């Protein structure tokens, strides 16, 4: 069994629960989307720490430069970094996916204070745990991003790659995108950027970048069965963490009348 099939078989039950999560069906109003974005912003942000950990391990990011690792792996990770840090915005300019998400939050009127405070505090030298505590984000978001940063800081490279690849890949169902499209029509100008973000995410991360990440993970594991098993465990833990995040957001939504 090739690595991709092995990992997908391991995560499929949890992935199926995620794609059918009741959260998607409960997104009925602009207020619901705003609550979703407040927590989901942390997943958009901490994704970049997984990516940067991989870039640090798989390429040379020090001076003086020396060649590091496999050239094919270097190419793959650098291509993903380029797309995530400098993608295309709705006007054709360059923007990171995180900054695009913040723009979407502002347009929607979603509360972006917690994620902005965390990012600003860390940029100013505050430790992650302290920055997170001071910003007081939704508890489910705090638990999710803490798990991600723990893996990014302490996990093995192939474990980080597997979580990056299978814990974030192709996890936005078409049903959710249709809900956002409908709400965008009902609230002109409020969700256009968010809809663009989701469509771009599906196009890039679920397509070309997904294939690149799968190749990268396979190259890192090679023919080592121990690495393959550790990668599968890390991928499953990442999907289960996303399930817990979705559960937390669902619990925050107002009960339907």
Foldseek 3Di string as FASTA:
>chain_A
DALVVVLCVLQVVLLVCLLVPCLLVPPQALVLVLLVLLLCLLVLVLLVLLLVLLQVQAAPPDPPGDGGDDPLLNVLSVVVVCCQAFNQAPVGGTHHLSVLSVVLSVLSVHDHQLVVQQVVCVVVPDDNVVSNVVSVGQPLSSVLSVVSVCCSVDNDNLLSLLQSQQLQEPRHDPSSLVSLVVNCVVPPRNRPSVSVSVVVCCVPRNPPSNVSSVVSSSVVCPPPVVSSVSSSVSNNVSSVSVVSSSVSSVVVDDDDD
